[in-house]
Amino acid sequence: MSTKDELRQVEEDLARLRAENQEVRDQIRDIGATDQVEISAMISQADEQVELIAGLERRRDALIQRLEEEGAR
């Protein structure tokens, strides 16, 4: 897989995870204070997604840097 293809895949994964994370957070807001156990689990899930997003953003930045270096050669 080329660096450009990998970057495109990371960007797609980021978009998907961000949308999923927003959906989970919207659900948490809509549920209200009725089921604390479920809300806690959903918050944990959203927090894990934020960590995944941060990792993908770091990967994306590294790929962009690699592409810039390849272009400078």
PDB file of N, CA and C in Angstrom:
ATOM      1  N   MET A   1       0.853  -1.169   0.000  1.00  0.00           N
ATOM      2  CA  MET A   1       0.000   0.000   0.000  1.00  0.00           C
ATOM      3  C   MET A   1       0.903   1.236   0.000  1.00  0.00           C
ATOM      4  N   SER A   2       0.606   2.152  -0.873  1.00  0.00           N
ATOM      5  CA  SER A   2       1.412   3.364  -0.945  1.00  0.00           C
ATOM      6  C   SER A   2       1.097   4.280   0.236  1.00  0.00           C
ATOM      7  N   THR A   3       1.961   5.228   0.466  1.00  0.00           N
ATOM      8  CA  THR A   3       1.760   6.186   1.553  1.00  0.00           C
ATOM      9  C   THR A   3       0.476   6.974   1.332  1.00  0.00           C
ATOM     10  N   LYS A   4       0.208   7.351   0.089  1.00  0.00           N
ATOM     11  CA  LYS A   4      -1.023   8.098  -0.213  1.00  0.00           C
ATOM     12  C   LYS A   4      -2.258   7.256   0.074  1.00  0.00           C
ATOM     13  N   ASP A   5      -2.211   5.974  -0.295  1.00  0.00           N
ATOM     14  CA  ASP A   5      -3.337   5.081  -0.017  1.00  0.00           C
ATOM     15  C   ASP A   5      -3.540   4.913   1.484  1.00  0.00           C
ATOM     16  N   GLU A   6      -2.436   4.762   2.192  1.00  0.00           N
ATOM     17  CA  GLU A   6      -2.518   4.603   3.644  1.00  0.00           C
ATOM     18  C   GLU A   6      -3.080   5.869   4.284  1.00  0.00           C
ATOM     19  N   LEU A   7      -2.653   7.023   3.813  1.00  0.00           N
ATOM     20  CA  LEU A   7      -3.165   8.289   4.330  1.00  0.00           C
ATOM     21  C   LEU A   7      -4.664   8.407   4.058  1.00  0.00           C
ATOM     22  N   ARG A   8      -5.084   8.033   2.871  1.00  0.00           N
ATOM     23  CA  ARG A   8      -6.508   8.079   2.522  1.00  0.00           C
ATOM     24  C   ARG A   8      -7.312   7.158   3.456  1.00  0.00           C
ATOM     25  N   GLN A   9      -6.785   5.976   3.755  1.00  0.00           N
ATOM     26  CA  GLN A   9      -7.464   5.044   4.647  1.00  0.00           C
ATOM     27  C   GLN A   9      -7.549   5.603   6.066  1.00  0.00           C
ATOM     28  N   VAL A  10      -6.468   6.212   6.532  1.00  0.00           N
ATOM     29  CA  VAL A  10      -6.469   6.811   7.870  1.00  0.00           C
ATOM     30  C   VAL A  10      -7.493   7.939   7.938  1.00  0.00           C
ATOM     31  N   GLU A  11      -7.563   8.762   6.898  1.00  0.00           N
ATOM     32  CA  GLU A  11      -8.539   9.861   6.862  1.00  0.00           C
ATOM     33  C   GLU A  11      -9.971   9.311   6.906  1.00  0.00           C
ATOM     34  N   GLU A  12     -10.225   8.227   6.173  1.00  0.00           N
ATOM     35  CA  GLU A  12     -11.554   7.609   6.188  1.00  0.00           C
ATOM     36  C   GLU A  12     -11.874   7.062   7.567  1.00  0.00           C
ATOM     37  N   ASP A  13     -10.903   6.413   8.196  1.00  0.00           N
ATOM     38  CA  ASP A  13     -11.101   5.877   9.543  1.00  0.00           C
ATOM     39  C   ASP A  13     -11.365   6.997  10.544  1.00  0.00           C
ATOM     40  N   LEU A  14     -10.637   8.105  10.409  1.00  0.00           N
ATOM     41  CA  LEU A  14     -10.849   9.243  11.295  1.00  0.00           C
ATOM     42  C   LEU A  14     -12.272   9.793  11.147  1.00  0.00           C
ATOM     43  N   ALA A  15     -12.714   9.960   9.927  1.00  0.00           N
ATOM     44  CA  ALA A  15     -14.059  10.485   9.685  1.00  0.00           C
ATOM     45  C   ALA A  15     -15.114   9.556  10.292  1.00  0.00           C
ATOM     46  N   ARG A  16     -14.930   8.258  10.100  1.00  0.00           N
ATOM     47  CA  ARG A  16     -15.889   7.288  10.634  1.00  0.00           C
ATOM     48  C   ARG A  16     -15.907   7.319  12.155  1.00  0.00           C
ATOM     49  N   LEU A  17     -14.728   7.312  12.769  1.00  0.00           N
ATOM     50  CA  LEU A  17     -14.653   7.315  14.235  1.00  0.00           C
ATOM     51  C   LEU A  17     -15.212   8.602  14.827  1.00  0.00           C
ATOM     52  N   ARG A  18     -14.928   9.716  14.190  1.00  0.00           N
ATOM     53  CA  ARG A  18     -15.472  10.985  14.692  1.00  0.00           C
ATOM     54  C   ARG A  18     -16.993  10.988  14.636  1.00  0.00           C
ATOM     55  N   ALA A  19     -17.555  10.467  13.553  1.00  0.00           N
ATOM     56  CA  ALA A  19     -19.014  10.400  13.430  1.00  0.00           C
ATOM     57  C   ALA A  19     -19.599   9.459  14.475  1.00  0.00           C
ATOM     58  N   GLU A  20     -18.970   8.303  14.671  1.00  0.00           N
ATOM     59  CA  GLU A  20     -19.439   7.356  15.683  1.00  0.00           C
ATOM     60  C   GLU A  20     -19.355   7.963  17.082  1.00  0.00           C
ATOM     61  N   ASN A  21     -18.258   8.675  17.341  1.00  0.00           N
ATOM     62  CA  ASN A  21     -18.076   9.287  18.649  1.00  0.00           C
ATOM     63  C   ASN A  21     -19.152  10.337  18.897  1.00  0.00           C
ATOM     64  N   GLN A  22     -19.450  11.140  17.887  1.00  0.00           N
ATOM     65  CA  GLN A  22     -20.492  12.153  18.037  1.00  0.00           C
ATOM     66  C   GLN A  22     -21.847  11.497  18.269  1.00  0.00           C
ATOM     67  N   GLU A  23     -22.105  10.399  17.581  1.00  0.00           N
ATOM     68  CA  GLU A  23     -23.369   9.685  17.752  1.00  0.00           C
ATOM     69  C   GLU A  23     -23.510   9.155  19.178  1.00  0.00           C
ATOM     70  N   VAL A  24     -22.440   8.576  19.707  1.00  0.00           N
ATOM     71  CA  VAL A  24     -22.473   8.065  21.080  1.00  0.00           C
ATOM     72  C   VAL A  24     -22.728   9.208  22.056  1.00  0.00           C
ATOM     73  N   ARG A  25     -22.044  10.318  21.871  1.00  0.00           N
ATOM     74  CA  ARG A  25     -22.223  11.461  22.775  1.00  0.00           C
ATOM     75  C   ARG A  25     -23.629  12.039  22.662  1.00  0.00           C
ATOM     76  N   ASP A  26     -24.185  12.050  21.453  1.00  0.00           N
ATOM     77  CA  ASP A  26     -25.575  12.499  21.278  1.00  0.00           C
ATOM     78  C   ASP A  26     -26.528  11.565  22.017  1.00  0.00           C
ATOM     79  N   GLN A  27     -26.282  10.253  21.936  1.00  0.00           N
ATOM     80  CA  GLN A  27     -27.128   9.290  22.636  1.00  0.00           C
ATOM     81  C   GLN A  27     -27.051   9.488  24.142  1.00  0.00           C
ATOM     82  N   ILE A  28     -25.850   9.754  24.637  1.00  0.00           N
ATOM     83  CA  ILE A  28     -25.685   9.991  26.077  1.00  0.00           C
ATOM     84  C   ILE A  28     -26.527  11.189  26.493  1.00  0.00           C
ATOM     85  N   ARG A  29     -26.475  12.246  25.715  1.00  0.00           N
ATOM     86  CA  ARG A  29     -27.244  13.449  26.040  1.00  0.00           C
ATOM     87  C   ARG A  29     -28.747  13.160  25.999  1.00  0.00           C
ATOM     88  N   ASP A  30     -29.186  12.352  25.042  1.00  0.00           N
ATOM     89  CA  ASP A  30     -30.611  12.064  24.885  1.00  0.00           C
ATOM     90  C   ASP A  30     -31.150  11.132  25.965  1.00  0.00           C
ATOM     91  N   ILE A  31     -30.302  10.250  26.487  1.00  0.00           N
ATOM     92  CA  ILE A  31     -30.752   9.282  27.490  1.00  0.00           C
ATOM     93  C   ILE A  31     -31.161   9.980  28.785  1.00  0.00           C
ATOM     94  N   GLY A  32     -30.436  11.002  29.145  1.00  0.00           N
ATOM     95  CA  GLY A  32     -30.714  11.671  30.410  1.00  0.00           C
ATOM     96  C   GLY A  32     -30.136  10.872  31.561  1.00  0.00           C
ATOM     97  N   ALA A  33     -30.683  11.044  32.731  1.00  0.00           N
ATOM     98  CA  ALA A  33     -30.133  10.437  33.945  1.00  0.00           C
ATOM     99  C   ALA A  33     -30.875   9.168  34.343  1.00  0.00           C
ATOM    100  N   THR A  34     -31.443   8.447  33.388  1.00  0.00           N
ATOM    101  CA  THR A  34     -32.270   7.298  33.738  1.00  0.00           C
ATOM    102  C   THR A  34     -31.476   6.022  34.003  1.00  0.00           C
ATOM    103  N   ASP A  35     -30.426   5.781  33.267  1.00  0.00           N
ATOM    104  CA  ASP A  35     -29.683   4.525  33.421  1.00  0.00           C
ATOM    105  C   ASP A  35     -28.196   4.828  33.561  1.00  0.00           C
ATOM    106  N   GLN A  36     -27.747   5.010  34.782  1.00  0.00           N
ATOM    107  CA  GLN A  36     -26.375   5.428  35.053  1.00  0.00           C
ATOM    108  C   GLN A  36     -25.343   4.398  34.590  1.00  0.00           C
ATOM    109  N   VAL A  37     -25.666   3.117  34.691  1.00  0.00           N
ATOM    110  CA  VAL A  37     -24.718   2.079  34.270  1.00  0.00           C
ATOM    111  C   VAL A  37     -24.500   2.154  32.760  1.00  0.00           C
ATOM    112  N   GLU A  38     -25.593   2.269  32.023  1.00  0.00           N
ATOM    113  CA  GLU A  38     -25.480   2.357  30.566  1.00  0.00           C
ATOM    114  C   GLU A  38     -24.762   3.638  30.154  1.00  0.00           C
ATOM    115  N   ILE A  39     -25.079   4.729  30.802  1.00  0.00           N
ATOM    116  CA  ILE A  39     -24.429   5.999  30.491  1.00  0.00           C
ATOM    117  C   ILE A  39     -22.931   5.902  30.761  1.00  0.00           C
ATOM    118  N   SER A  40     -22.561   5.294  31.871  1.00  0.00           N
ATOM    119  CA  SER A  40     -21.145   5.133  32.211  1.00  0.00           C
ATOM    120  C   SER A  40     -20.424   4.314  31.151  1.00  0.00           C
ATOM    121  N   ALA A  41     -21.048   3.234  30.700  1.00  0.00           N
ATOM    122  CA  ALA A  41     -20.446   2.396  29.657  1.00  0.00           C
ATOM    123  C   ALA A  41     -20.298   3.170  28.352  1.00  0.00           C
ATOM    124  N   MET A  42     -21.286   3.967  28.018  1.00  0.00           N
ATOM    125  CA  MET A  42     -21.234   4.747  26.780  1.00  0.00           C
ATOM    126  C   MET A  42     -20.152   5.828  26.863  1.00  0.00           C
ATOM    127  N   ILE A  43     -20.009   6.444  28.019  1.00  0.00           N
ATOM    128  CA  ILE A  43     -18.960   7.448  28.194  1.00  0.00           C
ATOM    129  C   ILE A  43     -17.591   6.795  28.048  1.00  0.00           C
ATOM    130  N   SER A  44     -17.436   5.615  28.636  1.00  0.00           N
ATOM    131  CA  SER A  44     -16.167   4.890  28.493  1.00  0.00           C
ATOM    132  C   SER A  44     -15.880   4.578  27.032  1.00  0.00           C
ATOM    133  N   GLN A  45     -16.898   4.151  26.313  1.00  0.00           N
ATOM    134  CA  GLN A  45     -16.748   3.857  24.891  1.00  0.00           C
ATOM    135  C   GLN A  45     -16.332   5.118  24.127  1.00  0.00           C
ATOM    136  N   ALA A  46     -16.987   6.228  24.423  1.00  0.00           N
ATOM    137  CA  ALA A  46     -16.658   7.484  23.748  1.00  0.00           C
ATOM    138  C   ALA A  46     -15.224   7.908  24.068  1.00  0.00           C
ATOM    139  N   ASP A  47     -14.813   7.738  25.314  1.00  0.00           N
ATOM    140  CA  ASP A  47     -13.442   8.093  25.702  1.00  0.00           C
ATOM    141  C   ASP A  47     -12.419   7.217  24.986  1.00  0.00           C
ATOM    142  N   GLU A  48     -12.723   5.929  24.830  1.00  0.00           N
ATOM    143  CA  GLU A  48     -11.823   5.029  24.099  1.00  0.00           C
ATOM    144  C   GLU A  48     -11.717   5.450  22.637  1.00  0.00           C
ATOM    145  N   GLN A  49     -12.838   5.877  22.071  1.00  0.00           N
ATOM    146  CA  GLN A  49     -12.823   6.337  20.681  1.00  0.00           C
ATOM    147  C   GLN A  49     -11.964   7.588  20.538  1.00  0.00           C
ATOM    148  N   VAL A  50     -12.011   8.469  21.534  1.00  0.00           N
ATOM    149  CA  VAL A  50     -11.188   9.679  21.493  1.00  0.00           C
ATOM    150  C   VAL A  50      -9.710   9.290  21.466  1.00  0.00           C
ATOM    151  N   GLU A  51      -9.340   8.285  22.248  1.00  0.00           N
ATOM    152  CA  GLU A  51      -7.956   7.806  22.249  1.00  0.00           C
ATOM    153  C   GLU A  51      -7.578   7.231  20.883  1.00  0.00           C
ATOM    154  N   LEU A  52      -8.483   6.474  20.279  1.00  0.00           N
ATOM    155  CA  LEU A  52      -8.230   5.932  18.933  1.00  0.00           C
ATOM    156  C   LEU A  52      -8.082   7.055  17.917  1.00  0.00           C
ATOM    157  N   ILE A  53      -8.930   8.061  18.030  1.00  0.00           N
ATOM    158  CA  ILE A  53      -8.868   9.205  17.123  1.00  0.00           C
ATOM    159  C   ILE A  53      -7.520   9.902  17.258  1.00  0.00           C
ATOM    160  N   ALA A  54      -7.067  10.102  18.486  1.00  0.00           N
ATOM    161  CA  ALA A  54      -5.775  10.761  18.707  1.00  0.00           C
ATOM    162  C   ALA A  54      -4.641   9.943  18.087  1.00  0.00           C
ATOM    163  N   GLY A  55      -4.695   8.635  18.234  1.00  0.00           N
ATOM    164  CA  GLY A  55      -3.683   7.773  17.627  1.00  0.00           C
ATOM    165  C   GLY A  55      -3.693   7.859  16.111  1.00  0.00           C
ATOM    166  N   LEU A  56      -4.888   7.880  15.530  1.00  0.00           N
ATOM    167  CA  LEU A  56      -4.998   7.997  14.076  1.00  0.00           C
ATOM    168  C   LEU A  56      -4.521   9.365  13.594  1.00  0.00           C
ATOM    169  N   GLU A  57      -4.789  10.401  14.381  1.00  0.00           N
ATOM    170  CA  GLU A  57      -4.307  11.729  14.005  1.00  0.00           C
ATOM    171  C   GLU A  57      -2.776  11.770  14.001  1.00  0.00           C
ATOM    172  N   ARG A  58      -2.161  11.121  14.993  1.00  0.00           N
ATOM    173  CA  ARG A  58      -0.699  11.044  15.014  1.00  0.00           C
ATOM    174  C   ARG A  58      -0.186  10.276  13.792  1.00  0.00           C
ATOM    175  N   ARG A  59      -0.860   9.181  13.453  1.00  0.00           N
ATOM    176  CA  ARG A  59      -0.472   8.379  12.284  1.00  0.00           C
ATOM    177  C   ARG A  59      -0.623   9.203  11.012  1.00  0.00           C
ATOM    178  N   ARG A  60      -1.727   9.942  10.909  1.00  0.00           N
ATOM    179  CA  ARG A  60      -1.959  10.796   9.746  1.00  0.00           C
ATOM    180  C   ARG A  60      -0.842  11.833   9.614  1.00  0.00           C
ATOM    181  N   ASP A  61      -0.494  12.476  10.723  1.00  0.00           N
ATOM    182  CA  ASP A  61       0.571  13.481  10.699  1.00  0.00           C
ATOM    183  C   ASP A  61       1.902  12.870  10.251  1.00  0.00           C
ATOM    184  N   ALA A  62       2.185  11.654  10.715  1.00  0.00           N
ATOM    185  CA  ALA A  62       3.428  10.979  10.309  1.00  0.00           C
ATOM    186  C   ALA A  62       3.398  10.663   8.817  1.00  0.00           C
ATOM    187  N   LEU A  63       2.258  10.247   8.305  1.00  0.00           N
ATOM    188  CA  LEU A  63       2.144   9.953   6.876  1.00  0.00           C
ATOM    189  C   LEU A  63       2.297  11.216   6.036  1.00  0.00           C
ATOM    190  N   ILE A  64       1.704  12.300   6.500  1.00  0.00           N
ATOM    191  CA  ILE A  64       1.845  13.570   5.788  1.00  0.00           C
ATOM    192  C   ILE A  64       3.311  13.986   5.768  1.00  0.00           C
ATOM    193  N   GLN A  65       3.974  13.835   6.899  1.00  0.00           N
ATOM    194  CA  GLN A  65       5.391  14.166   6.965  1.00  0.00           C
ATOM    195  C   GLN A  65       6.204  13.298   5.999  1.00  0.00           C
ATOM    196  N   ARG A  66       5.866  12.015   5.947  1.00  0.00           N
ATOM    197  CA  ARG A  66       6.581  11.107   5.029  1.00  0.00           C
ATOM    198  C   ARG A  66       6.366  11.537   3.572  1.00  0.00           C
ATOM    199  N   LEU A  67       5.117  11.906   3.251  1.00  0.00           N
ATOM    200  CA  LEU A  67       4.837  12.352   1.882  1.00  0.00           C
ATOM    201  C   LEU A  67       5.614  13.629   1.546  1.00  0.00           C
ATOM    202  N   GLU A  68       5.695  14.532   2.509  1.00  0.00           N
ATOM    203  CA  GLU A  68       6.450  15.765   2.283  1.00  0.00           C
ATOM    204  C   GLU A  68       7.931  15.450   2.071  1.00  0.00           C
ATOM    205  N   GLU A  69       8.451  14.523   2.850  1.00  0.00           N
ATOM    206  CA  GLU A  69       9.863  14.132   2.703  1.00  0.00           C
ATOM    207  C   GLU A  69      10.104  13.444   1.362  1.00  0.00           C
ATOM    208  N   GLU A  70       9.167  12.596   0.962  1.00  0.00           N
ATOM    209  CA  GLU A  70       9.302  11.919  -0.336  1.00  0.00           C
ATOM    210  C   GLU A  70       9.249  12.919  -1.478  1.00  0.00           C
ATOM    211  N   GLY A  71       8.430  13.949  -1.323  1.00  0.00           N
ATOM    212  CA  GLY A  71       8.315  14.967  -2.357  1.00  0.00           C
ATOM    213  C   GLY A  71       9.531  15.850  -2.452  1.00  0.00           C
ATOM    214  N   ALA A  72      10.265  15.966  -1.340  1.00  0.00           N
ATOM    215  CA  ALA A  72      11.462  16.811  -1.318  1.00  0.00           C
ATOM    216  C   ALA A  72      12.678  16.106  -1.923  1.00  0.00           C
ATOM    217  N   ARG A  73      12.586  14.830  -2.121  1.00  0.00           N
ATOM    218  CA  ARG A  73      13.714  14.057  -2.648  1.00  0.00           C
ATOM    219  C   ARG A  73      13.831  14.182  -4.133  1.00  0.00           C
TER     220      ARG A  73
END
